[in-house]
């Protein structure tokens, strides 16, 4: 059997690899690329200690406010840690209403999500970028706390806000900051009465770091021939080296980006092993494919989204990058011999930057 002609192609924003076969026991590895992002909604615990009657008459425990998303524009990510990389004056909008609690509201806390760091910022989904916010009428950044001895009052429909993005560490990739960014709580009553969200995809953070792309859309890789009997005797075929060549450019001098990759089994997406399954159109049986990293670890397959079995390729500046890999046949049964024929396999992998 012989594996021939791995064809590696490019998909916009990601890398698509496609490998095709010829002759006995060939393997088709079509390294495709897809991305699936699933937004999980926040579900609030039922709260009845306080009730808000909105201006339209609805009764709710919590008011949801919205901030319009925006773009930071490109910026130098090598500025000192603690620097403000973006400032935005904006209006938080949402329904107004009248809040009524069964007991004194007590300690009131306005805060971002999580714990603030030494820069007064809250962690975001982008490494090295923190977010902080305050009401425009106040000079104090959140968290902000005071004691309220009332049991009811009117909630305004909108307020002016100031939001800053601050560099809190190395910034090696851009992205979006979205979803829930702040909330207001009556701490003693354990009641959240306001939540603040960023609309749409969120704040587009655009540091001038390198971006990478494949140098060529197709890269042929040929595996050495091996007979079914040899594969049965040895359990493995010989390794064949190949590499994925990328060019990283466009970043400011001294900047870098961290590159990650995860491979997935297209035939069996739940596969978390190190053996790629054959596709349904294969003739050969009891044969699989293994892929090895440069550090001699076998690639374990994972889901196309998330970080399960994802591994870091490295951190790169404005420079060429070669992801060195190896591939080989592997027998998948200790008792059943491999049978000759086409051995097609489909895998996907996603290259991402953080």
Protein backbone atom coordinates (compact mmCIF):
# COMPACT_ATOMS: atom_id res chain seq x y z
CA UNK A 1 0.00 0.00 0.00
CA UNK A 2 1.09 3.53 -0.59
CA UNK A 3 -0.07 6.92 0.67
CA UNK A 4 0.45 9.74 -1.78
CA UNK A 5 -0.23 13.37 -2.31
CA UNK A 6 -1.28 15.11 0.86
CA UNK A 7 -2.78 18.36 -0.32
CA UNK A 8 -2.86 21.18 2.16
CA UNK A 9 -5.09 24.13 1.45
CA UNK A 10 -6.06 27.39 3.13
CA UNK A 11 -9.45 28.44 4.49
CA UNK A 12 -10.04 32.09 5.32
CA UNK A 13 -8.91 32.93 8.89
CA UNK A 14 -7.91 29.34 9.47
CA UNK A 15 -5.80 26.70 7.70
CA UNK A 16 -7.38 23.92 5.65
CA UNK A 17 -5.40 20.81 4.89
CA UNK A 18 -6.43 18.33 2.26
CA UNK A 19 -4.66 15.06 1.58
CA UNK A 20 -5.56 12.78 -1.31
CA UNK A 21 -4.59 9.20 -2.16
CA UNK A 22 -3.52 6.93 -4.95
CA UNK A 23 -2.86 3.15 -5.16
CA UNK A 24 -2.88 0.42 -2.48
CA UNK A 25 -3.77 1.34 1.07
CA UNK A 26 -3.59 5.09 0.51
CA UNK A 27 -4.94 7.54 3.04
CA UNK A 28 -6.83 10.73 2.33
CA UNK A 29 -6.37 13.24 5.09
CA UNK A 30 -8.44 16.27 4.28
CA UNK A 31 -7.46 18.75 6.95
CA UNK A 32 -10.43 21.04 6.82
CA UNK A 33 -11.28 23.79 9.19
CA UNK A 34 -14.49 24.97 10.75
CA UNK A 35 -15.26 27.03 13.81
CA UNK A 36 -18.28 26.83 16.04
CA UNK A 37 -18.85 29.27 18.83
CA UNK A 38 -21.69 28.54 21.20
CA UNK A 39 -23.00 31.27 23.42
CA UNK A 40 -24.34 29.97 26.73
CA UNK A 41 -26.93 32.28 28.22
CA UNK A 42 -26.75 33.31 31.82
CA UNK A 43 -29.66 31.92 33.82
CA UNK A 44 -30.56 33.84 36.94
CA UNK A 45 -31.74 32.12 40.08
CA UNK A 46 -35.31 32.98 40.93
CA UNK A 47 -35.31 35.97 43.25
CA UNK A 48 -38.37 37.41 44.91
CA UNK A 49 -36.91 39.56 47.70
CA UNK A 50 -37.00 42.53 45.29
CA UNK A 51 -39.24 43.18 42.32
CA UNK A 52 -38.82 45.74 39.56
CA UNK A 53 -41.85 47.11 37.75
CA UNK A 54 -40.60 48.32 34.39
CA UNK A 55 -41.97 51.41 32.68
CA UNK A 56 -43.93 49.15 30.34
CA UNK A 57 -45.61 47.39 33.28
CA UNK A 58 -43.64 44.14 33.27
CA UNK A 59 -42.43 42.70 36.58
CA UNK A 60 -38.84 41.41 36.60
CA UNK A 61 -36.21 40.66 39.27
CA UNK A 62 -33.33 42.10 37.22
CA UNK A 63 -32.97 44.85 34.62
CA UNK A 64 -30.69 44.13 31.67
CA UNK A 65 -28.80 47.11 30.27
CA UNK A 66 -26.89 47.30 26.99
CA UNK A 67 -23.71 49.02 25.84
CA UNK A 68 -23.09 49.46 22.13
CA UNK A 69 -20.05 47.60 20.83
CA UNK A 70 -17.16 49.47 19.19
CA UNK A 71 -13.74 49.03 17.63
CA UNK A 72 -10.58 50.10 19.41
CA UNK A 73 -8.73 50.69 16.15
CA UNK A 74 -5.22 49.33 15.86
CA UNK A 75 -2.79 50.11 18.67
CA UNK A 76 0.76 49.35 19.76
CA UNK A 77 0.62 46.31 22.09
CA UNK A 78 4.14 46.96 23.38
CA UNK A 79 3.12 49.96 25.51
CA UNK A 80 3.97 49.61 29.22
CA UNK A 81 1.79 47.43 31.41
CA UNK A 82 -0.85 49.57 33.09
CA UNK A 83 -1.32 51.82 30.05
CA UNK A 84 -4.82 52.69 28.87
CA UNK A 85 -5.13 51.31 25.35
CA UNK A 86 -8.68 52.52 24.73
CA UNK A 87 -11.16 54.87 26.42
CA UNK A 88 -14.84 55.17 25.57
CA UNK A 89 -17.52 57.54 26.83
CA UNK A 90 -20.91 56.02 26.14
CA UNK A 91 -24.46 55.61 27.29
CA UNK A 92 -25.76 52.48 28.94
CA UNK A 93 -29.37 52.04 27.86
CA UNK A 94 -32.24 49.85 28.96
CA UNK A 95 -35.66 50.02 30.56
CA UNK A 96 -36.32 52.15 33.60
CA UNK A 97 -38.67 51.22 36.40
CA UNK A 98 -39.50 51.17 40.09
CA UNK A 99 -37.76 48.71 42.41
CA UNK A 100 -39.45 47.48 45.59
CA UNK A 101 -37.73 45.28 48.17
CA UNK A 102 -39.24 43.51 51.17
CA UNK A 103 -36.40 44.64 53.41
CA UNK A 104 -33.88 47.46 53.55
CA UNK A 105 -31.62 47.23 50.53
CA UNK A 106 -28.49 47.54 52.67
CA UNK A 107 -25.04 47.16 51.15
CA UNK A 108 -25.15 47.97 47.43
CA UNK A 109 -22.30 46.90 45.15
CA UNK A 110 -21.59 47.91 41.55
CA UNK A 111 -18.86 45.71 40.12
CA UNK A 112 -17.34 44.11 37.07
CA UNK A 113 -17.29 40.32 36.75
CA UNK A 114 -14.75 38.59 38.97
CA UNK A 115 -12.11 40.23 41.11
CA UNK A 116 -10.32 43.46 40.17
CA UNK A 117 -6.55 43.41 39.70
CA UNK A 118 -3.96 45.98 40.78
CA UNK A 119 -4.98 48.22 37.88
CA UNK A 120 -8.61 48.21 38.96
CA UNK A 121 -9.56 46.15 35.91
CA UNK A 122 -11.50 42.95 35.48
CA UNK A 123 -10.30 40.02 33.40
CA UNK A 124 -11.49 39.74 29.80
CA UNK A 125 -11.38 36.98 27.20
CA UNK A 126 -8.22 38.54 25.70
CA UNK A 127 -4.95 37.83 27.49
CA UNK A 128 -3.23 41.00 28.66
CA UNK A 129 -6.33 43.20 28.35
CA UNK A 130 -8.41 44.23 31.38
CA UNK A 131 -11.59 46.30 31.47
CA UNK A 132 -12.70 48.87 34.03
CA UNK A 133 -15.78 51.06 34.18
CA UNK A 134 -17.41 53.81 36.16
CA UNK A 135 -20.41 56.06 36.02
CA UNK A 136 -19.59 59.35 34.30
CA UNK A 137 -20.94 61.22 37.33
CA UNK A 138 -18.45 59.46 39.62
CA UNK A 139 -14.68 59.57 39.71
CA UNK A 140 -14.45 56.11 41.28
CA UNK A 141 -13.91 52.96 39.25
CA UNK A 142 -15.92 49.86 40.07
CA UNK A 143 -16.19 48.04 42.39
CA UNK A 144 -18.14 50.75 44.15
CA UNK A 145 -20.09 50.08 47.35
CA UNK A 146 -22.34 52.01 49.74
CA UNK A 147 -25.14 51.42 52.24
CA UNK A 148 -28.73 52.13 51.16
CA UNK A 149 -31.39 52.30 53.90
CA UNK A 150 -34.29 52.52 51.45
CA UNK A 151 -36.69 49.78 50.40
CA UNK A 152 -37.69 51.29 47.06
CA UNK A 153 -36.75 53.92 44.48
CA UNK A 154 -36.96 54.73 40.77
CA UNK A 155 -34.35 53.25 38.42
CA UNK A 156 -33.23 55.47 35.53
CA UNK A 157 -33.56 54.12 32.00
CA UNK A 158 -30.04 55.11 30.96
CA UNK A 159 -26.78 56.41 32.40
CA UNK A 160 -23.57 57.85 31.00
CA UNK A 161 -20.58 55.57 31.47
CA UNK A 162 -16.82 55.59 31.02
CA UNK A 163 -15.11 52.35 29.97
CA UNK A 164 -11.35 51.84 29.69
CA UNK A 165 -9.32 48.95 28.35
CA UNK A 166 -5.96 48.61 30.09
CA UNK A 167 -2.88 46.58 29.27
CA UNK A 168 -2.38 44.14 32.16
CA UNK A 169 0.22 41.84 30.59
CA UNK A 170 1.66 40.71 27.24
CA UNK A 171 -0.85 41.17 24.40
CA UNK A 172 -0.26 38.59 21.66
CA UNK A 173 -3.63 38.52 19.87
CA UNK A 174 -6.77 40.52 19.34
CA UNK A 175 -10.36 39.43 19.59
CA UNK A 176 -13.71 40.50 20.98
CA UNK A 177 -14.79 41.43 24.49
CA UNK A 178 -18.50 40.82 24.79
CA UNK A 179 -21.32 39.54 26.91
CA UNK A 180 -21.79 40.35 30.58
CA UNK A 181 -19.28 42.90 31.89
CA UNK A 182 -20.88 44.30 35.05
CA UNK A 183 -23.70 44.03 37.54
CA UNK A 184 -25.29 45.74 40.53
CA UNK A 185 -26.22 43.78 43.64
CA UNK A 186 -27.81 44.20 47.02
CA UNK A 187 -25.21 42.15 48.84
CA UNK A 188 -27.14 41.60 52.08
CA UNK A 189 -30.26 40.55 50.15
CA UNK A 190 -28.23 38.44 47.69
CA UNK A 191 -30.16 40.06 44.87
CA UNK A 192 -28.78 41.22 41.51
CA UNK A 193 -30.95 44.04 40.23
CA UNK A 194 -28.94 45.18 37.20
CA UNK A 195 -26.74 43.48 34.63
CA UNK A 196 -24.75 45.23 31.92
CA UNK A 197 -23.98 43.58 28.59
CA UNK A 198 -22.06 44.60 25.49
CA UNK A 199 -24.18 44.28 22.37
CA UNK A 200 -23.37 42.06 19.40
CA UNK A 201 -19.92 40.51 19.03
CA UNK A 202 -18.51 42.97 21.52
CA UNK A 203 -15.57 45.35 21.61
CA UNK A 204 -13.19 44.63 18.72
CA UNK A 205 -9.66 44.76 20.16
CA UNK A 206 -7.08 45.25 17.40
CA UNK A 207 -3.44 45.16 18.56
CA UNK A 208 -0.78 45.41 15.86
CA UNK A 209 0.55 41.88 16.32
CA UNK A 210 1.68 39.52 13.55
CA UNK A 211 -0.94 37.66 11.53
CA UNK A 212 -0.08 34.37 9.87
CA UNK A 213 -1.10 32.63 6.66
CA UNK A 214 -0.04 29.56 4.68
CA UNK A 215 2.66 30.17 2.10
CA UNK A 216 1.11 27.77 -0.42
CA UNK A 217 -2.46 26.45 -0.62
CA UNK A 218 -1.33 22.88 -1.50
CA UNK A 219 1.54 20.88 0.00
CA UNK A 220 2.06 17.29 -1.26
CA UNK A 221 3.28 14.66 1.23
CA UNK A 222 4.11 11.09 0.20
CA UNK A 223 4.17 8.15 2.61
CA UNK A 224 6.43 5.19 1.81
CA UNK A 225 4.78 2.01 0.55
CA UNK A 226 3.97 -0.70 3.07
CA UNK A 227 2.29 -4.06 2.69
CA UNK A 228 -0.61 -5.18 4.81
CA UNK A 229 1.48 -8.08 6.19
CA UNK A 230 4.33 -5.76 7.23
CA UNK A 231 1.86 -3.51 8.96
CA UNK A 232 0.47 -6.52 10.82
CA UNK A 233 3.96 -7.68 11.85
CA UNK A 234 5.25 -4.30 13.01
CA UNK A 235 2.02 -2.62 14.06
CA UNK A 236 3.23 0.68 12.60
CA UNK A 237 4.38 2.01 9.27
CA UNK A 238 7.45 4.22 8.80
CA UNK A 239 7.22 7.89 9.68
CA UNK A 240 7.08 10.48 6.95
CA UNK A 241 8.08 14.06 7.70
CA UNK A 242 6.07 17.01 6.52
CA UNK A 243 5.62 20.58 7.62
CA UNK A 244 3.06 23.33 7.40
CA UNK A 245 4.71 26.52 6.25
CA UNK A 246 3.27 29.86 7.30
CA UNK A 247 4.39 33.47 7.08
CA UNK A 248 3.73 35.77 10.02
CA UNK A 249 3.90 39.50 9.36
CA UNK A 250 2.25 42.84 10.00
CA UNK A 251 3.04 43.26 13.68
CA UNK A 252 4.90 46.15 15.25
CA UNK A 253 8.60 45.59 15.90
CA UNK A 254 9.06 43.44 18.99
CA UNK A 255 5.50 42.08 19.02
CA UNK A 256 4.53 38.42 18.77
CA UNK A 257 1.50 36.15 18.61
CA UNK A 258 0.89 32.77 20.25
CA UNK A 259 -0.20 30.05 17.82
CA UNK A 260 -2.32 27.06 18.89
CA UNK A 261 -3.66 24.06 16.96
CA UNK A 262 -6.20 21.31 17.57
CA UNK A 263 -6.89 18.33 15.30
CA UNK A 264 -10.33 16.69 15.07
CA UNK A 265 -11.54 13.38 13.62
CA UNK A 266 -14.14 14.25 10.97
CA UNK A 267 -15.49 10.69 10.83
CA UNK A 268 -15.80 10.40 14.60
CA UNK A 269 -15.92 13.86 16.24
CA UNK A 270 -16.01 12.26 19.70
CA UNK A 271 -12.62 10.62 19.09
CA UNK A 272 -10.11 11.71 21.74
CA UNK A 273 -7.52 9.05 20.94
CA UNK A 274 -4.33 9.35 18.88
CA UNK A 275 -5.64 7.26 15.95
CA UNK A 276 -7.58 8.87 13.12
CA UNK A 277 -10.60 6.85 11.98
CA UNK A 278 -11.02 5.73 8.37
CA UNK A 279 -13.85 7.31 6.42
CA UNK A 280 -16.88 5.37 5.19
CA UNK A 281 -15.59 5.17 1.62
CA UNK A 282 -12.48 3.23 2.68
CA UNK A 283 -11.83 -0.34 1.48
CA UNK A 284 -8.98 -1.18 3.86
CA UNK A 285 -9.86 -2.38 7.33
CA UNK A 286 -8.12 -2.37 10.71
CA UNK A 287 -5.91 0.55 9.70
CA UNK A 288 -5.64 4.05 11.07
CA UNK A 289 -3.37 7.07 10.89
CA UNK A 290 -1.16 8.62 13.56
CA UNK A 291 0.26 12.13 13.49
CA UNK A 292 3.30 13.06 15.57
CA UNK A 293 4.45 16.46 16.76
CA UNK A 294 8.04 17.69 16.66
CA UNK A 295 8.45 16.84 20.35
CA UNK A 296 7.58 13.20 19.48
CA UNK A 297 4.18 13.34 21.16
CA UNK A 298 1.31 11.83 19.21
CA UNK A 299 -1.46 14.23 18.29
CA UNK A 300 -4.61 13.51 20.30
CA UNK A 301 -7.83 14.49 18.58
CA UNK A 302 -10.23 16.96 20.14
CA UNK A 303 -13.32 19.03 19.39
CA UNK A 304 -13.08 21.77 16.78
CA UNK A 305 -13.96 24.40 19.38
CA UNK A 306 -12.60 24.69 22.88
CA UNK A 307 -9.22 23.73 24.27
CA UNK A 308 -9.44 19.94 24.71
CA UNK A 309 -6.24 18.43 23.20
CA UNK A 310 -5.27 21.83 21.82
CA UNK A 311 -1.54 22.47 21.91
CA UNK A 312 0.63 25.52 21.58
CA UNK A 313 2.85 25.60 18.50
CA UNK A 314 4.87 28.53 19.77
CA UNK A 315 5.10 32.30 19.99
CA UNK A 316 6.20 34.04 16.82
CA UNK A 317 7.07 37.52 15.63
CA UNK A 318 7.27 38.76 12.05
CA UNK A 319 8.92 35.61 10.74
CA UNK A 320 8.39 32.38 8.79
CA UNK A 321 6.93 29.46 10.75
CA UNK A 322 7.17 25.74 10.02
CA UNK A 323 4.97 23.38 12.01
CA UNK A 324 6.92 20.13 11.76
CA UNK A 325 4.84 16.95 11.83
CA UNK A 326 5.06 13.28 10.89
CA UNK A 327 2.45 10.76 9.76
CA UNK A 328 2.30 6.97 9.55
CA UNK A 329 -0.03 4.02 9.18
CA UNK A 330 -0.98 2.12 12.32
CA UNK A 331 -2.74 -1.18 12.81
CA UNK A 332 -5.84 -0.84 14.95
CA UNK A 333 -6.39 -4.48 15.95
CA UNK A 334 -4.17 -7.03 17.69
CA UNK A 335 -6.08 -10.00 16.31
CA UNK A 336 -7.42 -8.91 12.92
CA UNK A 337 -5.00 -8.29 10.07
CA UNK A 338 -5.08 -5.10 8.05
CA UNK A 339 -6.74 -5.64 4.70
CA UNK A 340 -5.41 -3.84 1.61
CA UNK A 341 -7.31 -1.21 -0.28
CA UNK A 342 -8.00 2.47 -0.09
CA UNK A 343 -7.75 3.79 3.45
CA UNK A 344 -9.27 7.23 3.40
CA UNK A 345 -9.42 9.43 6.46
CA UNK A 346 -10.70 12.92 7.10
CA UNK A 347 -9.37 15.14 9.84
CA UNK A 348 -9.89 18.79 10.61
CA UNK A 349 -7.69 21.14 12.47
CA UNK A 350 -8.04 24.71 13.55
CA UNK A 351 -5.12 27.06 14.04
CA UNK A 352 -5.92 29.89 16.43
CA UNK A 353 -4.04 32.77 17.98
CA UNK A 354 -4.17 33.95 21.58
